[in-house]
C-alpha atoms as a PDB file:
ATOM      1  CA  MET A   1      59.250 114.070 114.026  1.00  0.00           C
ATOM      2  CA  GLU A   2      59.826 117.297 112.140  1.00  0.00           C
ATOM      3  CA  LYS A   3      61.145 117.011 108.589  1.00  0.00           C
ATOM      4  CA  GLY A   4      63.625 119.495 107.242  1.00  0.00           C
ATOM      5  CA  SER A   5      66.553 120.033 104.909  1.00  0.00           C
ATOM      6  CA  GLY A   6      68.908 121.477 107.521  1.00  0.00           C
ATOM      7  CA  LEU A   7      70.236 120.289 110.854  1.00  0.00           C
ATOM      8  CA  ASN A   8      68.029 121.003 113.833  1.00  0.00           C
ATOM      9  CA  TRP A   9      70.180 120.410 116.905  1.00  0.00           C
ATOM     10  CA  ARG A  10      67.143 120.194 119.181  1.00  0.00           C
ATOM     11  CA  ILE A  11      66.009 117.134 117.216  1.00  0.00           C
ATOM     12  CA  ASP A  12      69.126 115.736 115.584  1.00  0.00           C
ATOM     13  CA  LEU A  13      71.575 115.862 118.498  1.00  0.00           C
ATOM     14  CA  PRO A  14      69.476 113.677 120.857  1.00  0.00           C
ATOM     15  CA  ALA A  15      68.544 111.262 118.060  1.00  0.00           C
ATOM     16  CA  ILE A  16      72.087 110.844 116.738  1.00  0.00           C
ATOM     17  CA  GLY A  17      73.469 110.725 120.283  1.00  0.00           C
ATOM     18  CA  ALA A  18      71.059 107.923 121.199  1.00  0.00           C
ATOM     19  CA  LEU A  19      71.970 105.916 118.092  1.00  0.00           C
ATOM     20  CA  VAL A  20      75.714 106.364 118.663  1.00  0.00           C
ATOM     21  CA  THR A  21      75.407 105.439 122.347  1.00  0.00           C
ATOM     22  CA  PHE A  22      73.367 102.322 121.594  1.00  0.00           C
ATOM     23  CA  GLY A  23      75.701 101.346 118.751  1.00  0.00           C
ATOM     24  CA  THR A  24      78.730 101.734 121.037  1.00  0.00           C
ATOM     25  CA  TRP A  25      77.061  99.577 123.687  1.00  0.00           C
ATOM     26  CA  ILE A  26      76.459  96.872 121.058  1.00  0.00           C
ATOM     27  CA  LEU A  27      80.127  96.977 120.038  1.00  0.00           C
ATOM     28  CA  LEU A  28      81.190  96.606 123.678  1.00  0.00           C
ATOM     29  CA  LYS A  29      78.925  93.604 124.251  1.00  0.00           C
ATOM     30  CA  MET A  30      78.943  91.881 120.861  1.00  0.00           C
ATOM     31  CA  ALA A  31      81.971  89.675 121.543  1.00  0.00           C
ATOM     32  CA  TYR A  32      80.141  88.056 124.468  1.00  0.00           C
ATOM     33  CA  LEU A  33      76.579  87.875 123.144  1.00  0.00           C
ATOM     34  CA  PRO A  34      74.922  84.773 121.668  1.00  0.00           C
ATOM     35  CA  LEU A  35      74.004  85.080 118.006  1.00  0.00           C
ATOM     36  CA  TYR A  36      70.292  85.589 118.621  1.00  0.00           C
ATOM     37  CA  LEU A  37      70.877  88.510 121.008  1.00  0.00           C
ATOM     38  CA  SER A  38      73.451  90.232 118.806  1.00  0.00           C
ATOM     39  CA  SER A  39      71.004  89.841 115.914  1.00  0.00           C
ATOM     40  CA  ILE A  40      68.138  91.354 117.913  1.00  0.00           C
ATOM     41  CA  TYR A  41      70.204  94.342 119.084  1.00  0.00           C
ATOM     42  CA  THR A  42      71.559  94.949 115.594  1.00  0.00           C
ATOM     43  CA  LEU A  43      68.059  94.837 114.105  1.00  0.00           C
ATOM     44  CA  ILE A  44      66.883  97.315 116.755  1.00  0.00           C
ATOM     45  CA  PHE A  45      69.757  99.638 115.808  1.00  0.00           C
ATOM     46  CA  ILE A  46      68.924  99.299 112.095  1.00  0.00           C
ATOM     47  CA  ALA A  47      65.232  99.937 112.784  1.00  0.00           C
ATOM     48  CA  GLY A  48      66.047 103.010 114.887  1.00  0.00           C
ATOM     49  CA  SER A  49      68.306 104.384 112.157  1.00  0.00           C
ATOM     50  CA  TRP A  50      65.698 103.670 109.506  1.00  0.00           C
ATOM     51  CA  TYR A  51      62.998 105.431 111.574  1.00  0.00           C
ATOM     52  CA  TYR A  52      65.175 108.496 112.153  1.00  0.00           C
ATOM     53  CA  LEU A  53      66.211 108.813 108.504  1.00  0.00           C
ATOM     54  CA  SER A  54      62.702 108.243 107.176  1.00  0.00           C
ATOM     55  CA  ARG A  55      60.876 110.549 109.602  1.00  0.00           C
ATOM     56  CA  ARG A  56      63.506 113.287 109.845  1.00  0.00           C
ATOM     57  CA  TRP A  57      64.978 113.292 106.326  1.00  0.00           C
ATOM     58  CA  ALA A  58      62.398 111.318 104.314  1.00  0.00           C
ATOM     59  CA  LEU A  59      65.134 108.872 103.310  1.00  0.00           C
ATOM     60  CA  HIS A  60      64.289 105.178 103.097  1.00  0.00           C
ATOM     61  CA  ILE A  61      67.269 102.849 103.116  1.00  0.00           C
ATOM     62  CA  PRO A  62      66.806 100.120 100.480  1.00  0.00           C
ATOM     63  CA  PRO A  63      66.199  96.780 102.239  1.00  0.00           C
ATOM     64  CA  ILE A  64      69.161  95.136 100.508  1.00  0.00           C
ATOM     65  CA  LEU A  65      71.504  97.740 102.008  1.00  0.00           C
ATOM     66  CA  ALA A  66      70.001  97.297 105.481  1.00  0.00           C
ATOM     67  CA  LEU A  67      70.565  93.556 105.084  1.00  0.00           C
ATOM     68  CA  LEU A  68      74.253  94.181 104.388  1.00  0.00           C
ATOM     69  CA  VAL A  69      74.552  96.013 107.714  1.00  0.00           C
ATOM     70  CA  TYR A  70      72.914  93.103 109.529  1.00  0.00           C
ATOM     71  CA  LEU A  71      75.309  90.634 107.897  1.00  0.00           C
ATOM     72  CA  THR A  72      78.250  92.341 109.629  1.00  0.00           C
ATOM     73  CA  ALA A  73      76.744  91.412 113.013  1.00  0.00           C
ATOM     74  CA  PHE A  74      75.863  87.926 111.749  1.00  0.00           C
ATOM     75  CA  LEU A  75      79.470  87.280 110.694  1.00  0.00           C
ATOM     76  CA  ASP A  76      80.692  88.202 114.170  1.00  0.00           C
ATOM     77  CA  GLY A  77      77.980  86.209 115.911  1.00  0.00           C
ATOM     78  CA  ILE A  78      78.505  83.065 113.851  1.00  0.00           C
ATOM     79  CA  GLY A  79      82.240  83.350 114.483  1.00  0.00           C
ATOM     80  CA  ASN A  80      81.641  83.408 118.229  1.00  0.00           C
ATOM     81  CA  LEU A  81      79.077  80.604 118.040  1.00  0.00           C
ATOM     82  CA  LEU A  82      81.324  78.212 116.092  1.00  0.00           C
ATOM     83  CA  GLY A  83      84.604  79.261 117.698  1.00  0.00           C
ATOM     84  CA  LEU A  84      85.975  80.461 114.363  1.00  0.00           C
ATOM     85  CA  TYR A  85      88.013  83.271 115.910  1.00  0.00           C
ATOM     86  CA  ARG A  86      90.431  80.652 117.208  1.00  0.00           C
ATOM     87  CA  GLN A  87      90.951  79.160 113.754  1.00  0.00           C
ATOM     88  CA  LYS A  88      93.124  80.052 110.801  1.00  0.00           C
ATOM     89  CA  PHE A  89      92.069  79.441 107.210  1.00  0.00           C
ATOM     90  CA  ILE A  90      95.140  79.016 105.004  1.00  0.00           C
ATOM     91  CA  HIS A  91      96.986  82.265 105.825  1.00  0.00           C
ATOM     92  CA  ILE A  92      94.018  84.333 107.028  1.00  0.00           C
ATOM     93  CA  GLN A  93      92.485  84.292 110.495  1.00  0.00           C
ATOM     94  CA  TYR A  94      88.721  84.584 110.828  1.00  0.00           C
ATOM     95  CA  ASP A  95      89.233  87.887 112.677  1.00  0.00           C
ATOM     96  CA  GLU A  96      91.073  89.265 109.639  1.00  0.00           C
ATOM     97  CA  PHE A  97      88.343  87.945 107.369  1.00  0.00           C
ATOM     98  CA  THR A  98      85.611  89.761 109.303  1.00  0.00           C
ATOM     99  CA  HIS A  99      87.656  92.955 109.606  1.00  0.00           C
ATOM    100  CA  SER A 100      87.911  93.100 105.817  1.00  0.00           C
ATOM    101  CA  LEU A 101      84.470  91.826 104.824  1.00  0.00           C
ATOM    102  CA  SER A 102      82.449  93.895 107.327  1.00  0.00           C
ATOM    103  CA  PRO A 103      83.523  97.316 105.978  1.00  0.00           C
ATOM    104  CA  ALA A 104      83.128  95.987 102.435  1.00  0.00           C
ATOM    105  CA  LEU A 105      79.491  95.181 103.277  1.00  0.00           C
ATOM    106  CA  VAL A 106      78.871  98.534 104.978  1.00  0.00           C
ATOM    107  CA  ALA A 107      80.477 100.616 102.204  1.00  0.00           C
ATOM    108  CA  PRO A 108      77.456 100.626  99.845  1.00  0.00           C
ATOM    109  CA  VAL A 109      75.218 101.810 102.691  1.00  0.00           C
ATOM    110  CA  LEU A 110      77.464 104.741 103.569  1.00  0.00           C
ATOM    111  CA  VAL A 111      78.040 105.718  99.945  1.00  0.00           C
ATOM    112  CA  TRP A 112      74.286 105.651  99.290  1.00  0.00           C
ATOM    113  CA  LEU A 113      73.475 107.535 102.500  1.00  0.00           C
ATOM    114  CA  LEU A 114      76.120 110.208 101.970  1.00  0.00           C
ATOM    115  CA  GLU A 115      75.018 110.745  98.362  1.00  0.00           C
ATOM    116  CA  ALA A 116      71.346 110.930  99.410  1.00  0.00           C
ATOM    117  CA  LEU A 117      72.019 113.410 102.245  1.00  0.00           C
ATOM    118  CA  LEU A 118      74.164 115.623 100.013  1.00  0.00           C
ATOM    119  CA  THR A 119      71.497 115.589  97.310  1.00  0.00           C
ATOM    120  CA  ARG A 120      68.803 116.420  99.869  1.00  0.00           C
ATOM    121  CA  SER A 121      70.953 119.356 101.071  1.00  0.00           C
ATOM    122  CA  GLY A 122      71.343 120.673  97.529  1.00  0.00           C
ATOM    123  CA  TYR A 123      74.934 119.539  96.870  1.00  0.00           C
ATOM    124  CA  ARG A 124      75.960 117.640  93.743  1.00  0.00           C
ATOM    125  CA  LEU A 125      79.321 115.876  93.946  1.00  0.00           C
ATOM    126  CA  PRO A 126      80.878 113.244  91.679  1.00  0.00           C
ATOM    127  CA  MET A 127      80.191 109.726  92.925  1.00  0.00           C
ATOM    128  CA  GLY A 128      83.932 109.040  93.075  1.00  0.00           C
ATOM    129  CA  LEU A 129      84.456 111.925  95.512  1.00  0.00           C
ATOM    130  CA  ILE A 130      81.483 110.817  97.587  1.00  0.00           C
ATOM    131  CA  THR A 131      83.013 107.331  97.732  1.00  0.00           C
ATOM    132  CA  ILE A 132      86.318 108.741  99.008  1.00  0.00           C
ATOM    133  CA  PHE A 133      84.481 110.691 101.710  1.00  0.00           C
ATOM    134  CA  ALA A 134      82.573 107.523 102.674  1.00  0.00           C
ATOM    135  CA  ILE A 135      85.835 105.567 102.993  1.00  0.00           C
ATOM    136  CA  THR A 136      87.280 108.217 105.318  1.00  0.00           C
ATOM    137  CA  ILE A 137      84.125 108.054 107.450  1.00  0.00           C
ATOM    138  CA  MET A 138      84.380 104.260 107.589  1.00  0.00           C
ATOM    139  CA  PHE A 139      88.017 104.432 108.634  1.00  0.00           C
ATOM    140  CA  THR A 140      87.063 106.836 111.433  1.00  0.00           C
ATOM    141  CA  ILE A 141      84.399 104.366 112.587  1.00  0.00           C
ATOM    142  CA  ALA A 142      86.926 101.515 112.411  1.00  0.00           C
ATOM    143  CA  GLY A 143      89.364 103.529 114.523  1.00  0.00           C
ATOM    144  CA  PHE A 144      86.619 104.206 117.067  1.00  0.00           C
ATOM    145  CA  TYR A 145      85.831 100.477 117.188  1.00  0.00           C
ATOM    146  CA  GLU A 146      89.455  99.760 118.074  1.00  0.00           C
ATOM    147  CA  ILE A 147      89.165 102.298 120.900  1.00  0.00           C
ATOM    148  CA  VAL A 148      86.019 100.488 122.081  1.00  0.00           C
ATOM    149  CA  GLU A 149      87.999  97.243 122.129  1.00  0.00           C
ATOM    150  CA  LEU A 150      90.683  98.985 124.202  1.00  0.00           C
ATOM    151  CA  TRP A 151      88.091 100.219 126.694  1.00  0.00           C
ATOM    152  CA  ASP A 152      86.690  96.709 127.022  1.00  0.00           C
ATOM    153  CA  ASP A 153      90.087  95.035 127.300  1.00  0.00           C
ATOM    154  CA  LYS A 154      91.662  97.562 129.659  1.00  0.00           C
ATOM    155  CA  TYR A 155      88.815  98.757 131.858  1.00  0.00           C
ATOM    156  CA  LEU A 156      85.784  96.491 131.627  1.00  0.00           C
ATOM    157  CA  HIS A 157      86.783  92.881 131.005  1.00  0.00           C
ATOM    158  CA  PRO A 158      88.340  90.885 133.855  1.00  0.00           C
ATOM    159  CA  VAL A 159      90.696  88.951 131.554  1.00  0.00           C
ATOM    160  CA  PRO A 160      93.241  91.206 129.755  1.00  0.00           C
ATOM    161  CA  GLY A 161      93.928  90.232 126.168  1.00  0.00           C
ATOM    162  CA  MET A 162      90.399  88.983 125.527  1.00  0.00           C
ATOM    163  CA  ARG A 163      89.905  91.310 122.551  1.00  0.00           C
ATOM    164  CA  ILE A 164      93.364  92.771 121.856  1.00  0.00           C
ATOM    165  CA  HIS A 165      95.786  89.957 121.058  1.00  0.00           C
ATOM    166  CA  GLY A 166      99.331  91.249 121.048  1.00  0.00           C
ATOM    167  CA  PRO A 167     101.014  94.547 120.132  1.00  0.00           C
ATOM    168  CA  TYR A 168     100.118  94.359 116.428  1.00  0.00           C
ATOM    169  CA  ASP A 169      96.448  93.401 116.773  1.00  0.00           C
ATOM    170  CA  THR A 170      95.021  96.909 116.430  1.00  0.00           C
ATOM    171  CA  SER A 171      97.175  97.963 113.496  1.00  0.00           C
ATOM    172  CA  ASN A 172      96.592  94.605 111.807  1.00  0.00           C
ATOM    173  CA  ASP A 173      92.824  95.011 112.218  1.00  0.00           C
ATOM    174  CA  LEU A 174      92.952  98.505 110.714  1.00  0.00           C
ATOM    175  CA  GLN A 175      95.043  97.204 107.831  1.00  0.00           C
ATOM    176  CA  TRP A 176      92.376  94.624 106.935  1.00  0.00           C
ATOM    177  CA  ASN A 177      89.657  97.227 107.542  1.00  0.00           C
ATOM    178  CA  LEU A 178      91.259  99.560 105.024  1.00  0.00           C
ATOM    179  CA  GLY A 179      91.478  96.845 102.388  1.00  0.00           C
ATOM    180  CA  GLY A 180      87.806  95.989 102.849  1.00  0.00           C
ATOM    181  CA  MET A 181      86.791  99.649 102.732  1.00  0.00           C
ATOM    182  CA  ILE A 182      88.611 100.244  99.465  1.00  0.00           C
ATOM    183  CA  LEU A 183      87.148  97.094  97.895  1.00  0.00           C
ATOM    184  CA  GLY A 184      83.639  97.869  99.142  1.00  0.00           C
ATOM    185  CA  GLY A 185      83.971 101.512  98.118  1.00  0.00           C
ATOM    186  CA  LEU A 186      84.980 100.555  94.573  1.00  0.00           C
ATOM    187  CA  LEU A 187      82.073  98.126  94.302  1.00  0.00           C
ATOM    188  CA  ALA A 188      79.656 100.739  95.658  1.00  0.00           C
ATOM    189  CA  TRP A 189      81.012 103.337  93.228  1.00  0.00           C
ATOM    190  CA  ARG A 190      80.495 100.878  90.399  1.00  0.00           C
ATOM    191  CA  LEU A 191      77.013  99.744  91.438  1.00  0.00           C
ATOM    192  CA  LEU A 192      75.672 103.133  92.573  1.00  0.00           C
ATOM    193  CA  GLY A 193      77.513 105.157  89.967  1.00  0.00           C
ATOM    194  CA  ARG A 194      74.357 105.904  88.038  1.00  0.00           C
ATOM    195  CA  ARG A 195      73.460 108.992  90.056  1.00  0.00           C
ATOM    196  CA  GLY A 196      70.092 108.732  91.667  1.00  0.00           C
ATOM    197  CA  SER A 197      69.551 105.094  90.699  1.00  0.00           C
ATOM    198  CA  LEU A 198      68.685 104.299  94.307  1.00  0.00           C
ATOM    199  CA  SER A 199      68.363 107.624  96.094  1.00  0.00           C
ATOM    200  CA  ASN A 200      65.757 109.071  93.742  1.00  0.00           C
ATOM    201  CA  SER A 201      63.539 106.063  94.277  1.00  0.00           C
ATOM    202  CA  THR A 202      63.930 106.059  98.044  1.00  0.00           C
ATOM    203  CA  VAL A 203      63.703 109.722  98.944  1.00  0.00           C
ATOM    204  CA  GLY A 204      60.174 110.537  99.965  1.00  0.00           C
END
């Protein structure tokens, strides 16, 4: 795969399109998959992303950050396996717990990736501004996930209400998402604030 510092739509559009399509398919199926299958598909997605970033942009995601992405799928899978989505812990449902913790886990990955891509493209922005941009990207992804749930609940699944529980479910999910994004973004800003502490060691 050709390496370069600028977008090449002949290469990047098919690669990104394939990753987005596969990721969307995982999101559609994840609620019904056993833990081992959701883990396998998530690891395939992570491996595909790692291959694209390393071969196209010479960026190598630190293993600890890739592990954080996998943990988001593990939390969902273990919740399905143990029936935790039907339980409430004190005042927080497991669904609310995962909607807040998952973006908190993904935040360091997106902050690192955005900072590394900007640096590779010759842009130098304060880490705080990069973190804000990463949070907005995460919120866009969270909104798209809610649309995926709507597609599944309205068009694909035979039992309405399987994934959207009541009129406030979507807005409640986004509320917990936002809290997790802000928390994860602040932690990422704190941990990755020393510019280049990770990206310089992982850019080939």
